[in-house]
């Protein structure tokens, strides 16, 4: 059994801004705050554990494509922490695609997470 999760998430801080002289506590706080947003969206789905995932992100903000990689990082880390997926290594995390899309609400991301091969039904 497979599952596709659709998440409507606000843009996050850019990769450049997160690491530009910021203290690790700022980075942790930023990640924790975004994790709560992702968890709220995930609550709309029945929780199970899957073997593989792919993430597709459409966004509409002024950030460069590569600066949106934190959306993927924060979503993947949240999925691992909440046991939706075993790990976010290349063994389990199979692909990532990020594209600018002006049809998406301004300063938001539409994230599609494809989860494959159910391994634990909770």
PDB file of N, CA and C in Angstrom:
ATOM      1  N   UNK A   1       0.846  -1.179   0.000  1.00  0.00           N
ATOM      2  CA  UNK A   1       0.000   0.000   0.000  1.00  0.00           C
ATOM      3  C   UNK A   1       0.894   1.246   0.000  1.00  0.00           C
ATOM      4  N   UNK A   2       0.530   2.219  -0.775  1.00  0.00           N
ATOM      5  CA  UNK A   2       1.251   3.483  -0.877  1.00  0.00           C
ATOM      6  C   UNK A   2       0.348   4.618  -0.416  1.00  0.00           C
ATOM      7  N   UNK A   3       0.942   5.751  -0.128  1.00  0.00           N
ATOM      8  CA  UNK A   3       0.186   6.918   0.312  1.00  0.00           C
ATOM      9  C   UNK A   3       0.838   8.172  -0.245  1.00  0.00           C
ATOM     10  N   UNK A   4       0.011   9.104  -0.702  1.00  0.00           N
ATOM     11  CA  UNK A   4       0.489  10.426  -1.090  1.00  0.00           C
ATOM     12  C   UNK A   4      -0.062  11.426  -0.090  1.00  0.00           C
ATOM     13  N   UNK A   5       0.828  12.178   0.496  1.00  0.00           N
ATOM     14  CA  UNK A   5       0.465  13.210   1.474  1.00  0.00           C
ATOM     15  C   UNK A   5       0.658  14.564   0.813  1.00  0.00           C
ATOM     16  N   UNK A   6      -0.362  15.405   0.897  1.00  0.00           N
ATOM     17  CA  UNK A   6      -0.285  16.764   0.363  1.00  0.00           C
ATOM     18  C   UNK A   6      -0.232  17.742   1.526  1.00  0.00           C
ATOM     19  N   UNK A   7       0.818  18.543   1.560  1.00  0.00           N
ATOM     20  CA  UNK A   7       1.029  19.503   2.635  1.00  0.00           C
ATOM     21  C   UNK A   7       1.015  20.921   2.074  1.00  0.00           C
ATOM     22  N   UNK A   8       0.309  21.803   2.725  1.00  0.00           N
ATOM     23  CA  UNK A   8       0.282  23.227   2.373  1.00  0.00           C
ATOM     24  C   UNK A   8       1.076  23.932   3.461  1.00  0.00           C
ATOM     25  N   UNK A   9       2.301  24.358   3.127  1.00  0.00           N
ATOM     26  CA  UNK A   9       3.225  24.877   4.132  1.00  0.00           C
ATOM     27  C   UNK A   9       3.695  26.280   3.778  1.00  0.00           C
ATOM     28  N   UNK A  10       3.926  27.093   4.804  1.00  0.00           N
ATOM     29  CA  UNK A  10       4.496  28.411   4.530  1.00  0.00           C
ATOM     30  C   UNK A  10       5.951  28.271   4.096  1.00  0.00           C
ATOM     31  N   UNK A  11       6.434  29.269   3.381  1.00  0.00           N
ATOM     32  CA  UNK A  11       7.853  29.246   3.025  1.00  0.00           C
ATOM     33  C   UNK A  11       8.658  29.240   4.313  1.00  0.00           C
ATOM     34  N   UNK A  12       9.849  28.748   4.238  1.00  0.00           N
ATOM     35  CA  UNK A  12      10.734  28.760   5.392  1.00  0.00           C
ATOM     36  C   UNK A  12      11.872  29.734   5.126  1.00  0.00           C
ATOM     37  N   UNK A  13      12.696  29.903   6.100  1.00  0.00           N
ATOM     38  CA  UNK A  13      13.873  30.741   5.958  1.00  0.00           C
ATOM     39  C   UNK A  13      14.765  30.140   4.863  1.00  0.00           C
ATOM     40  N   UNK A  14      15.495  30.968   4.170  1.00  0.00           N
ATOM     41  CA  UNK A  14      16.375  30.455   3.131  1.00  0.00           C
ATOM     42  C   UNK A  14      17.585  29.768   3.762  1.00  0.00           C
ATOM     43  N   UNK A  15      18.160  28.875   3.034  1.00  0.00           N
ATOM     44  CA  UNK A  15      19.357  28.177   3.490  1.00  0.00           C
ATOM     45  C   UNK A  15      20.466  29.182   3.803  1.00  0.00           C
ATOM     46  N   UNK A  16      20.623  30.176   2.945  1.00  0.00           N
ATOM     47  CA  UNK A  16      21.647  31.204   3.167  1.00  0.00           C
ATOM     48  C   UNK A  16      21.408  31.946   4.481  1.00  0.00           C
ATOM     49  N   UNK A  17      20.178  32.357   4.720  1.00  0.00           N
ATOM     50  CA  UNK A  17      19.867  33.128   5.925  1.00  0.00           C
ATOM     51  C   UNK A  17      20.021  32.282   7.188  1.00  0.00           C
ATOM     52  N   UNK A  18      19.705  31.006   7.109  1.00  0.00           N
ATOM     53  CA  UNK A  18      19.795  30.144   8.282  1.00  0.00           C
ATOM     54  C   UNK A  18      21.229  29.982   8.760  1.00  0.00           C
ATOM     55  N   UNK A  19      22.142  29.912   7.826  1.00  0.00           N
ATOM     56  CA  UNK A  19      23.530  29.644   8.195  1.00  0.00           C
ATOM     57  C   UNK A  19      24.444  30.868   8.164  1.00  0.00           C
ATOM     58  N   UNK A  20      23.941  32.030   7.812  1.00  0.00           N
ATOM     59  CA  UNK A  20      24.766  33.236   7.717  1.00  0.00           C
ATOM     60  C   UNK A  20      25.051  33.794   9.111  1.00  0.00           C
ATOM     61  N   UNK A  21      26.011  33.197   9.775  1.00  0.00           N
ATOM     62  CA  UNK A  21      26.434  33.698  11.073  1.00  0.00           C
ATOM     63  C   UNK A  21      25.454  33.458  12.202  1.00  0.00           C
ATOM     64  N   UNK A  22      24.495  32.581  11.998  1.00  0.00           N
ATOM     65  CA  UNK A  22      23.495  32.316  13.032  1.00  0.00           C
ATOM     66  C   UNK A  22      24.024  31.287  14.028  1.00  0.00           C
ATOM     67  N   UNK A  23      23.641  31.463  15.261  1.00  0.00           N
ATOM     68  CA  UNK A  23      23.999  30.526  16.324  1.00  0.00           C
ATOM     69  C   UNK A  23      23.162  29.257  16.160  1.00  0.00           C
ATOM     70  N   UNK A  24      23.701  28.122  16.601  1.00  0.00           N
ATOM     71  CA  UNK A  24      23.002  26.849  16.439  1.00  0.00           C
ATOM     72  C   UNK A  24      21.645  26.863  17.131  1.00  0.00           C
ATOM     73  N   UNK A  25      21.474  27.659  18.199  1.00  0.00           N
ATOM     74  CA  UNK A  25      20.182  27.695  18.888  1.00  0.00           C
ATOM     75  C   UNK A  25      19.107  28.336  18.005  1.00  0.00           C
ATOM     76  N   UNK A  26      19.497  29.313  17.197  1.00  0.00           N
ATOM     77  CA  UNK A  26      18.562  29.919  16.248  1.00  0.00           C
ATOM     78  C   UNK A  26      18.131  28.887  15.214  1.00  0.00           C
ATOM     79  N   UNK A  27      19.103  28.119  14.707  1.00  0.00           N
ATOM     80  CA  UNK A  27      18.791  27.093  13.707  1.00  0.00           C
ATOM     81  C   UNK A  27      17.855  26.035  14.288  1.00  0.00           C
ATOM     82  N   UNK A  28      18.115  25.609  15.523  1.00  0.00           N
ATOM     83  CA  UNK A  28      17.266  24.593  16.158  1.00  0.00           C
ATOM     84  C   UNK A  28      15.853  25.130  16.372  1.00  0.00           C
ATOM     85  N   UNK A  29      15.730  26.359  16.852  1.00  0.00           N
ATOM     86  CA  UNK A  29      14.414  26.961  17.080  1.00  0.00           C
ATOM     87  C   UNK A  29      13.630  27.055  15.767  1.00  0.00           C
ATOM     88  N   UNK A  30      14.302  27.475  14.702  1.00  0.00           N
ATOM     89  CA  UNK A  30      13.663  27.593  13.393  1.00  0.00           C
ATOM     90  C   UNK A  30      13.144  26.234  12.926  1.00  0.00           C
ATOM     91  N   UNK A  31      13.991  25.213  13.045  1.00  0.00           N
ATOM     92  CA  UNK A  31      13.597  23.862  12.637  1.00  0.00           C
ATOM     93  C   UNK A  31      12.437  23.349  13.493  1.00  0.00           C
ATOM     94  N   UNK A  32      12.497  23.536  14.794  1.00  0.00           N
ATOM     95  CA  UNK A  32      11.443  23.060  15.693  1.00  0.00           C
ATOM     96  C   UNK A  32      10.105  23.728  15.390  1.00  0.00           C
ATOM     97  N   UNK A  33      10.123  25.020  15.097  1.00  0.00           N
ATOM     98  CA  UNK A  33       8.883  25.734  14.772  1.00  0.00           C
ATOM     99  C   UNK A  33       8.274  25.205  13.478  1.00  0.00           C
ATOM    100  N   UNK A  34       9.111  24.968  12.475  1.00  0.00           N
ATOM    101  CA  UNK A  34       8.595  24.450  11.200  1.00  0.00           C
ATOM    102  C   UNK A  34       8.108  23.013  11.366  1.00  0.00           C
ATOM    103  N   UNK A  35       8.782  22.244  12.194  1.00  0.00           N
ATOM    104  CA  UNK A  35       8.375  20.860  12.464  1.00  0.00           C
ATOM    105  C   UNK A  35       6.949  20.821  13.017  1.00  0.00           C
ATOM    106  N   UNK A  36       6.601  21.747  13.899  1.00  0.00           N
ATOM    107  CA  UNK A  36       5.246  21.805  14.458  1.00  0.00           C
ATOM    108  C   UNK A  36       4.212  22.060  13.367  1.00  0.00           C
ATOM    109  N   UNK A  37       4.548  22.902  12.410  1.00  0.00           N
ATOM    110  CA  UNK A  37       3.637  23.179  11.286  1.00  0.00           C
ATOM    111  C   UNK A  37       3.439  21.920  10.448  1.00  0.00           C
ATOM    112  N   UNK A  38       4.528  21.216  10.164  1.00  0.00           N
ATOM    113  CA  UNK A  38       4.446  19.975   9.380  1.00  0.00           C
ATOM    114  C   UNK A  38       3.633  18.938  10.139  1.00  0.00           C
ATOM    115  N   UNK A  39       3.877  18.790  11.421  1.00  0.00           N
ATOM    116  CA  UNK A  39       3.132  17.804  12.218  1.00  0.00           C
ATOM    117  C   UNK A  39       1.640  18.089  12.225  1.00  0.00           C
ATOM    118  N   UNK A  40       1.269  19.359  12.265  1.00  0.00           N
ATOM    119  CA  UNK A  40      -0.157  19.725  12.219  1.00  0.00           C
ATOM    120  C   UNK A  40      -0.781  19.267  10.895  1.00  0.00           C
ATOM    121  N   UNK A  41      -0.060  19.454   9.796  1.00  0.00           N
ATOM    122  CA  UNK A  41      -0.547  19.005   8.487  1.00  0.00           C
ATOM    123  C   UNK A  41      -0.624  17.475   8.421  1.00  0.00           C
ATOM    124  N   UNK A  42       0.378  16.792   8.979  1.00  0.00           N
ATOM    125  CA  UNK A  42       0.408  15.324   8.956  1.00  0.00           C
ATOM    126  C   UNK A  42      -0.730  14.715   9.766  1.00  0.00           C
ATOM    127  N   UNK A  43      -1.246  15.453  10.736  1.00  0.00           N
ATOM    128  CA  UNK A  43      -2.335  14.957  11.580  1.00  0.00           C
ATOM    129  C   UNK A  43      -3.604  14.681  10.768  1.00  0.00           C
ATOM    130  N   UNK A  44      -3.664  15.174   9.541  1.00  0.00           N
ATOM    131  CA  UNK A  44      -4.822  14.921   8.667  1.00  0.00           C
ATOM    132  C   UNK A  44      -4.792  13.538   8.030  1.00  0.00           C
ATOM    133  N   UNK A  45      -3.753  12.776   8.282  1.00  0.00           N
ATOM    134  CA  UNK A  45      -3.565  11.466   7.646  1.00  0.00           C
ATOM    135  C   UNK A  45      -3.421  10.370   8.696  1.00  0.00           C
ATOM    136  N   UNK A  46      -3.873   9.171   8.337  1.00  0.00           N
ATOM    137  CA  UNK A  46      -3.652   8.015   9.198  1.00  0.00           C
ATOM    138  C   UNK A  46      -2.173   7.690   9.199  1.00  0.00           C
ATOM    139  N   UNK A  47      -1.615   7.552  10.378  1.00  0.00           N
ATOM    140  CA  UNK A  47      -0.178   7.332  10.508  1.00  0.00           C
ATOM    141  C   UNK A  47       0.198   5.870  10.301  1.00  0.00           C
ATOM    142  N   UNK A  48       1.173   5.642   9.433  1.00  0.00           N
ATOM    143  CA  UNK A  48       1.793   4.335   9.216  1.00  0.00           C
ATOM    144  C   UNK A  48       3.263   4.575   8.900  1.00  0.00           C
ATOM    145  N   UNK A  49       4.028   3.510   8.897  1.00  0.00           N
ATOM    146  CA  UNK A  49       5.437   3.606   8.552  1.00  0.00           C
ATOM    147  C   UNK A  49       5.656   3.002   7.174  1.00  0.00           C
ATOM    148  N   UNK A  50       6.440   3.704   6.350  1.00  0.00           N
ATOM    149  CA  UNK A  50       6.698   3.282   4.980  1.00  0.00           C
ATOM    150  C   UNK A  50       8.202   3.121   4.756  1.00  0.00           C
ATOM    151  N   UNK A  51       8.535   2.356   3.753  1.00  0.00           N
ATOM    152  CA  UNK A  51       9.943   2.085   3.469  1.00  0.00           C
ATOM    153  C   UNK A  51      10.608   3.195   2.636  1.00  0.00           C
ATOM    154  N   UNK A  52       9.879   3.754   1.657  1.00  0.00           N
ATOM    155  CA  UNK A  52      10.487   4.709   0.723  1.00  0.00           C
ATOM    156  C   UNK A  52       9.665   5.990   0.632  1.00  0.00           C
ATOM    157  N   UNK A  53      10.360   7.084   0.297  1.00  0.00           N
ATOM    158  CA  UNK A  53       9.652   8.349   0.065  1.00  0.00           C
ATOM    159  C   UNK A  53      10.325   9.156  -1.035  1.00  0.00           C
ATOM    160  N   UNK A  54       9.503   9.977  -1.655  1.00  0.00           N
ATOM    161  CA  UNK A  54       9.950  10.985  -2.608  1.00  0.00           C
ATOM    162  C   UNK A  54       9.195  12.259  -2.269  1.00  0.00           C
ATOM    163  N   UNK A  55       9.842  13.398  -2.463  1.00  0.00           N
ATOM    164  CA  UNK A  55       9.215  14.678  -2.149  1.00  0.00           C
ATOM    165  C   UNK A  55       9.244  15.575  -3.386  1.00  0.00           C
ATOM    166  N   UNK A  56       8.102  16.191  -3.661  1.00  0.00           N
ATOM    167  CA  UNK A  56       7.948  17.132  -4.770  1.00  0.00           C
ATOM    168  C   UNK A  56       7.421  18.436  -4.190  1.00  0.00           C
ATOM    169  N   UNK A  57       8.159  19.525  -4.378  1.00  0.00           N
ATOM    170  CA  UNK A  57       7.807  20.816  -3.804  1.00  0.00           C
ATOM    171  C   UNK A  57       7.556  21.830  -4.921  1.00  0.00           C
ATOM    172  N   UNK A  58       6.392  22.445  -4.876  1.00  0.00           N
ATOM    173  CA  UNK A  58       6.090  23.591  -5.727  1.00  0.00           C
ATOM    174  C   UNK A  58       5.999  24.785  -4.793  1.00  0.00           C
ATOM    175  N   UNK A  59       6.649  25.883  -5.143  1.00  0.00           N
ATOM    176  CA  UNK A  59       6.661  27.039  -4.244  1.00  0.00           C
ATOM    177  C   UNK A  59       6.469  28.327  -5.023  1.00  0.00           C
ATOM    178  N   UNK A  60       6.056  29.371  -4.282  1.00  0.00           N
ATOM    179  CA  UNK A  60       5.900  30.700  -4.853  1.00  0.00           C
ATOM    180  C   UNK A  60       6.408  31.710  -3.834  1.00  0.00           C
ATOM    181  N   UNK A  61       7.680  32.020  -3.929  1.00  0.00           N
ATOM    182  CA  UNK A  61       8.288  33.046  -3.089  1.00  0.00           C
ATOM    183  C   UNK A  61       9.488  33.609  -3.843  1.00  0.00           C
ATOM    184  N   UNK A  62      10.127  34.586  -3.239  1.00  0.00           N
ATOM    185  CA  UNK A  62      11.283  35.204  -3.891  1.00  0.00           C
ATOM    186  C   UNK A  62      12.561  34.391  -3.709  1.00  0.00           C
ATOM    187  N   UNK A  63      12.490  33.332  -2.929  1.00  0.00           N
ATOM    188  CA  UNK A  63      13.690  32.522  -2.697  1.00  0.00           C
ATOM    189  C   UNK A  63      14.130  31.819  -3.974  1.00  0.00           C
ATOM    190  N   UNK A  64      15.434  31.670  -4.123  1.00  0.00           N
ATOM    191  CA  UNK A  64      15.960  30.861  -5.222  1.00  0.00           C
ATOM    192  C   UNK A  64      15.553  29.410  -4.999  1.00  0.00           C
ATOM    193  N   UNK A  65      15.509  28.663  -6.075  1.00  0.00           N
ATOM    194  CA  UNK A  65      15.114  27.252  -5.983  1.00  0.00           C
ATOM    195  C   UNK A  65      15.948  26.514  -4.931  1.00  0.00           C
ATOM    196  N   UNK A  66      17.261  26.669  -4.974  1.00  0.00           N
ATOM    197  CA  UNK A  66      18.113  25.921  -4.054  1.00  0.00           C
ATOM    198  C   UNK A  66      17.964  26.368  -2.602  1.00  0.00           C
ATOM    199  N   UNK A  67      17.469  27.566  -2.365  1.00  0.00           N
ATOM    200  CA  UNK A  67      17.242  28.019  -0.994  1.00  0.00           C
ATOM    201  C   UNK A  67      15.968  27.441  -0.392  1.00  0.00           C
ATOM    202  N   UNK A  68      15.161  26.773  -1.195  1.00  0.00           N
ATOM    203  CA  UNK A  68      13.965  26.107  -0.687  1.00  0.00           C
ATOM    204  C   UNK A  68      14.251  24.692  -0.204  1.00  0.00           C
ATOM    205  N   UNK A  69      15.486  24.275  -0.254  1.00  0.00           N
ATOM    206  CA  UNK A  69      15.838  22.918   0.161  1.00  0.00           C
ATOM    207  C   UNK A  69      15.515  22.685   1.644  1.00  0.00           C
ATOM    208  N   UNK A  70      15.434  23.734   2.438  1.00  0.00           N
ATOM    209  CA  UNK A  70      15.092  23.545   3.848  1.00  0.00           C
ATOM    210  C   UNK A  70      13.675  23.022   4.037  1.00  0.00           C
ATOM    211  N   UNK A  71      12.771  23.341   3.122  1.00  0.00           N
ATOM    212  CA  UNK A  71      11.430  22.762   3.204  1.00  0.00           C
ATOM    213  C   UNK A  71      11.548  21.243   3.160  1.00  0.00           C
ATOM    214  N   UNK A  72      12.305  20.752   2.205  1.00  0.00           N
ATOM    215  CA  UNK A  72      12.525  19.313   2.084  1.00  0.00           C
ATOM    216  C   UNK A  72      13.196  18.750   3.331  1.00  0.00           C
ATOM    217  N   UNK A  73      14.221  19.422   3.811  1.00  0.00           N
ATOM    218  CA  UNK A  73      14.961  18.964   4.992  1.00  0.00           C
ATOM    219  C   UNK A  73      14.052  18.889   6.205  1.00  0.00           C
ATOM    220  N   UNK A  74      13.291  19.930   6.446  1.00  0.00           N
ATOM    221  CA  UNK A  74      12.411  19.959   7.616  1.00  0.00           C
ATOM    222  C   UNK A  74      11.284  18.937   7.498  1.00  0.00           C
ATOM    223  N   UNK A  75      10.715  18.763   6.308  1.00  0.00           N
ATOM    224  CA  UNK A  75       9.667  17.760   6.115  1.00  0.00           C
ATOM    225  C   UNK A  75      10.240  16.358   6.320  1.00  0.00           C
ATOM    226  N   UNK A  76      11.365  16.067   5.685  1.00  0.00           N
ATOM    227  CA  UNK A  76      11.980  14.737   5.815  1.00  0.00           C
ATOM    228  C   UNK A  76      12.337  14.438   7.266  1.00  0.00           C
ATOM    229  N   UNK A  77      12.942  15.387   7.957  1.00  0.00           N
ATOM    230  CA  UNK A  77      13.309  15.170   9.357  1.00  0.00           C
ATOM    231  C   UNK A  77      12.076  14.931  10.230  1.00  0.00           C
ATOM    232  N   UNK A  78      10.993  15.632   9.941  1.00  0.00           N
ATOM    233  CA  UNK A  78       9.750  15.439  10.694  1.00  0.00           C
ATOM    234  C   UNK A  78       9.166  14.055  10.424  1.00  0.00           C
ATOM    235  N   UNK A  79       9.209  13.628   9.165  1.00  0.00           N
ATOM    236  CA  UNK A  79       8.704  12.288   8.833  1.00  0.00           C
ATOM    237  C   UNK A  79       9.508  11.207   9.544  1.00  0.00           C
ATOM    238  N   UNK A  80      10.814  11.367   9.624  1.00  0.00           N
ATOM    239  CA  UNK A  80      11.659  10.390  10.319  1.00  0.00           C
ATOM    240  C   UNK A  80      11.381  10.433  11.826  1.00  0.00           C
ATOM    241  N   UNK A  81      11.353  11.619  12.393  1.00  0.00           N
ATOM    242  CA  UNK A  81      11.146  11.767  13.839  1.00  0.00           C
ATOM    243  C   UNK A  81       9.814  11.178  14.291  1.00  0.00           C
ATOM    244  N   UNK A  82       8.811  11.250  13.425  1.00  0.00           N
ATOM    245  CA  UNK A  82       7.478  10.743  13.764  1.00  0.00           C
ATOM    246  C   UNK A  82       7.225   9.344  13.200  1.00  0.00           C
ATOM    247  N   UNK A  83       8.268   8.715  12.707  1.00  0.00           N
ATOM    248  CA  UNK A  83       8.249   7.328  12.246  1.00  0.00           C
ATOM    249  C   UNK A  83       7.285   7.061  11.074  1.00  0.00           C
ATOM    250  N   UNK A  84       7.177   8.037  10.180  1.00  0.00           N
ATOM    251  CA  UNK A  84       6.476   7.813   8.921  1.00  0.00           C
ATOM    252  C   UNK A  84       7.393   7.070   7.957  1.00  0.00           C
ATOM    253  N   UNK A  85       8.691   7.299   8.117  1.00  0.00           N
ATOM    254  CA  UNK A  85       9.721   6.697   7.270  1.00  0.00           C
ATOM    255  C   UNK A  85      10.869   6.287   8.193  1.00  0.00           C
ATOM    256  N   UNK A  86      11.585   5.238   7.815  1.00  0.00           N
ATOM    257  CA  UNK A  86      12.638   4.712   8.688  1.00  0.00           C
ATOM    258  C   UNK A  86      13.821   5.663   8.827  1.00  0.00           C
ATOM    259  N   UNK A  87      14.199   6.318   7.730  1.00  0.00           N
ATOM    260  CA  UNK A  87      15.378   7.174   7.733  1.00  0.00           C
ATOM    261  C   UNK A  87      15.313   8.048   6.481  1.00  0.00           C
ATOM    262  N   UNK A  88      16.078   9.141   6.461  1.00  0.00           N
ATOM    263  CA  UNK A  88      16.102   9.981   5.266  1.00  0.00           C
ATOM    264  C   UNK A  88      17.410   9.828   4.492  1.00  0.00           C
ATOM    265  N   UNK A  89      18.054   8.692   4.651  1.00  0.00           N
ATOM    266  CA  UNK A  89      19.244   8.383   3.850  1.00  0.00           C
ATOM    267  C   UNK A  89      18.804   7.992   2.438  1.00  0.00           C
ATOM    268  N   UNK A  90      19.756   7.869   1.546  1.00  0.00           N
ATOM    269  CA  UNK A  90      19.431   7.529   0.155  1.00  0.00           C
ATOM    270  C   UNK A  90      18.813   6.147   0.010  1.00  0.00           C
ATOM    271  N   UNK A  91      18.971   5.325   1.004  1.00  0.00           N
ATOM    272  CA  UNK A  91      18.331   3.995   0.964  1.00  0.00           C
ATOM    273  C   UNK A  91      16.803   4.139   0.967  1.00  0.00           C
ATOM    274  N   UNK A  92      16.283   5.172   1.628  1.00  0.00           N
ATOM    275  CA  UNK A  92      14.837   5.345   1.788  1.00  0.00           C
ATOM    276  C   UNK A  92      14.288   6.582   1.073  1.00  0.00           C
ATOM    277  N   UNK A  93      15.072   7.644   1.037  1.00  0.00           N
ATOM    278  CA  UNK A  93      14.643   8.910   0.425  1.00  0.00           C
ATOM    279  C   UNK A  93      15.101   8.874  -1.027  1.00  0.00           C
ATOM    280  N   UNK A  94      14.172   8.617  -1.933  1.00  0.00           N
ATOM    281  CA  UNK A  94      14.523   8.292  -3.313  1.00  0.00           C
ATOM    282  C   UNK A  94      14.617   9.477  -4.263  1.00  0.00           C
ATOM    283  N   UNK A  95      13.875  10.542  -4.019  1.00  0.00           N
ATOM    284  CA  UNK A  95      13.990  11.673  -4.942  1.00  0.00           C
ATOM    285  C   UNK A  95      13.427  12.944  -4.318  1.00  0.00           C
ATOM    286  N   UNK A  96      13.916  14.051  -4.851  1.00  0.00           N
ATOM    287  CA  UNK A  96      13.467  15.380  -4.456  1.00  0.00           C
ATOM    288  C   UNK A  96      13.379  16.236  -5.705  1.00  0.00           C
ATOM    289  N   UNK A  97      12.287  16.952  -5.821  1.00  0.00           N
ATOM    290  CA  UNK A  97      12.121  17.888  -6.927  1.00  0.00           C
ATOM    291  C   UNK A  97      11.548  19.177  -6.366  1.00  0.00           C
ATOM    292  N   UNK A  98      12.158  20.302  -6.721  1.00  0.00           N
ATOM    293  CA  UNK A  98      11.697  21.614  -6.264  1.00  0.00           C
ATOM    294  C   UNK A  98      11.518  22.504  -7.487  1.00  0.00           C
ATOM    295  N   UNK A  99      10.324  23.084  -7.639  1.00  0.00           N
ATOM    296  CA  UNK A  99      10.063  23.956  -8.779  1.00  0.00           C
ATOM    297  C   UNK A  99       9.304  25.214  -8.342  1.00  0.00           C
ATOM    298  N   UNK A 100       9.633  26.314  -8.986  1.00  0.00           N
ATOM    299  CA  UNK A 100       8.876  27.542  -8.797  1.00  0.00           C
ATOM    300  C   UNK A 100       7.567  27.409  -9.552  1.00  0.00           C
ATOM    301  N   UNK A 101       6.463  27.837  -8.921  1.00  0.00           N
ATOM    302  CA  UNK A 101       5.144  27.747  -9.555  1.00  0.00           C
ATOM    303  C   UNK A 101       4.321  28.937  -9.091  1.00  0.00           C
ATOM    304  N   UNK A 102       4.108  29.897  -9.993  1.00  0.00           N
ATOM    305  CA  UNK A 102       3.384  31.109  -9.610  1.00  0.00           C
ATOM    306  C   UNK A 102       1.909  30.864  -9.339  1.00  0.00           C
ATOM    307  N   UNK A 103       1.391  29.670  -9.613  1.00  0.00           N
ATOM    308  CA  UNK A 103      -0.006  29.366  -9.281  1.00  0.00           C
ATOM    309  C   UNK A 103      -0.181  28.991  -7.808  1.00  0.00           C
ATOM    310  N   UNK A 104       0.919  28.722  -7.121  1.00  0.00           N
ATOM    311  CA  UNK A 104       0.868  28.427  -5.691  1.00  0.00           C
ATOM    312  C   UNK A 104       0.672  29.740  -4.937  1.00  0.00           C
ATOM    313  N   UNK A 105      -0.067  29.695  -3.841  1.00  0.00           N
ATOM    314  CA  UNK A 105      -0.274  30.876  -3.017  1.00  0.00           C
ATOM    315  C   UNK A 105       1.067  31.527  -2.663  1.00  0.00           C
ATOM    316  N   UNK A 106       1.129  32.848  -2.755  1.00  0.00           N
ATOM    317  CA  UNK A 106       2.362  33.589  -2.495  1.00  0.00           C
ATOM    318  C   UNK A 106       2.906  33.264  -1.097  1.00  0.00           C
ATOM    319  N   UNK A 107       4.216  33.007  -1.045  1.00  0.00           N
ATOM    320  CA  UNK A 107       4.944  32.685   0.185  1.00  0.00           C
ATOM    321  C   UNK A 107       4.537  31.353   0.814  1.00  0.00           C
ATOM    322  N   UNK A 108       4.069  30.449  -0.035  1.00  0.00           N
ATOM    323  CA  UNK A 108       3.715  29.099   0.416  1.00  0.00           C
ATOM    324  C   UNK A 108       4.342  28.054  -0.489  1.00  0.00           C
ATOM    325  N   UNK A 109       4.311  26.831   0.028  1.00  0.00           N
ATOM    326  CA  UNK A 109       4.781  25.662  -0.717  1.00  0.00           C
ATOM    327  C   UNK A 109       3.678  24.619  -0.718  1.00  0.00           C
ATOM    328  N   UNK A 110       3.520  23.966  -1.835  1.00  0.00           N
ATOM    329  CA  UNK A 110       2.662  22.788  -1.930  1.00  0.00           C
ATOM    330  C   UNK A 110       3.616  21.605  -2.011  1.00  0.00           C
ATOM    331  N   UNK A 111       3.578  20.766  -0.998  1.00  0.00           N
ATOM    332  CA  UNK A 111       4.523  19.664  -0.886  1.00  0.00           C
ATOM    333  C   UNK A 111       3.766  18.348  -1.039  1.00  0.00           C
ATOM    334  N   UNK A 112       4.229  17.539  -1.953  1.00  0.00           N
ATOM    335  CA  UNK A 112       3.654  16.215  -2.160  1.00  0.00           C
ATOM    336  C   UNK A 112       4.699  15.199  -1.719  1.00  0.00           C
ATOM    337  N   UNK A 113       4.310  14.378  -0.747  1.00  0.00           N
ATOM    338  CA  UNK A 113       5.191  13.326  -0.247  1.00  0.00           C
ATOM    339  C   UNK A 113       4.601  11.994  -0.687  1.00  0.00           C
ATOM    340  N   UNK A 114       5.336  11.285  -1.522  1.00  0.00           N
ATOM    341  CA  UNK A 114       4.907   9.958  -1.946  1.00  0.00           C
ATOM    342  C   UNK A 114       5.597   8.928  -1.066  1.00  0.00           C
ATOM    343  N   UNK A 115       4.794   8.194  -0.318  1.00  0.00           N
ATOM    344  CA  UNK A 115       5.305   7.150   0.567  1.00  0.00           C
ATOM    345  C   UNK A 115       4.959   5.803  -0.046  1.00  0.00           C
ATOM    346  N   UNK A 116       5.940   4.922  -0.098  1.00  0.00           N
ATOM    347  CA  UNK A 116       5.751   3.640  -0.761  1.00  0.00           C
ATOM    348  C   UNK A 116       6.164   2.495   0.154  1.00  0.00           C
ATOM    349  N   UNK A 117       5.503   1.407  -0.015  1.00  0.00           N
ATOM    350  CA  UNK A 117       5.763   0.129   0.651  1.00  0.00           C
ATOM    351  C   UNK A 117       5.521   0.217   2.162  1.00  0.00           C
ATOM    352  N   UNK A 118       4.274   0.099   2.510  1.00  0.00           N
ATOM    353  CA  UNK A 118       3.862   0.087   3.908  1.00  0.00           C
ATOM    354  C   UNK A 118       4.581  -1.037   4.653  1.00  0.00           C
ATOM    355  N   UNK A 119       5.201  -0.701   5.788  1.00  0.00           N
ATOM    356  CA  UNK A 119       5.873  -1.747   6.562  1.00  0.00           C
ATOM    357  C   UNK A 119       5.332  -1.895   7.973  1.00  0.00           C
ATOM    358  N   UNK A 120       4.585  -0.907   8.443  1.00  0.00           N
ATOM    359  CA  UNK A 120       4.030  -1.002   9.789  1.00  0.00           C
ATOM    360  C   UNK A 120       2.720  -0.254   9.816  1.00  0.00           C
ATOM    361  N   UNK A 121       1.650  -0.988  10.039  1.00  0.00           N
ATOM    362  CA  UNK A 121       0.333  -0.372  10.126  1.00  0.00           C
ATOM    363  C   UNK A 121       0.028  -0.101  11.582  1.00  0.00           C
ATOM    364  N   UNK A 122      -0.121   1.163  11.941  1.00  0.00           N
ATOM    365  CA  UNK A 122      -0.384   1.536  13.347  1.00  0.00           C
ATOM    366  C   UNK A 122      -1.862   1.603  13.617  1.00  0.00           C
TER     367      UNK A 122
END
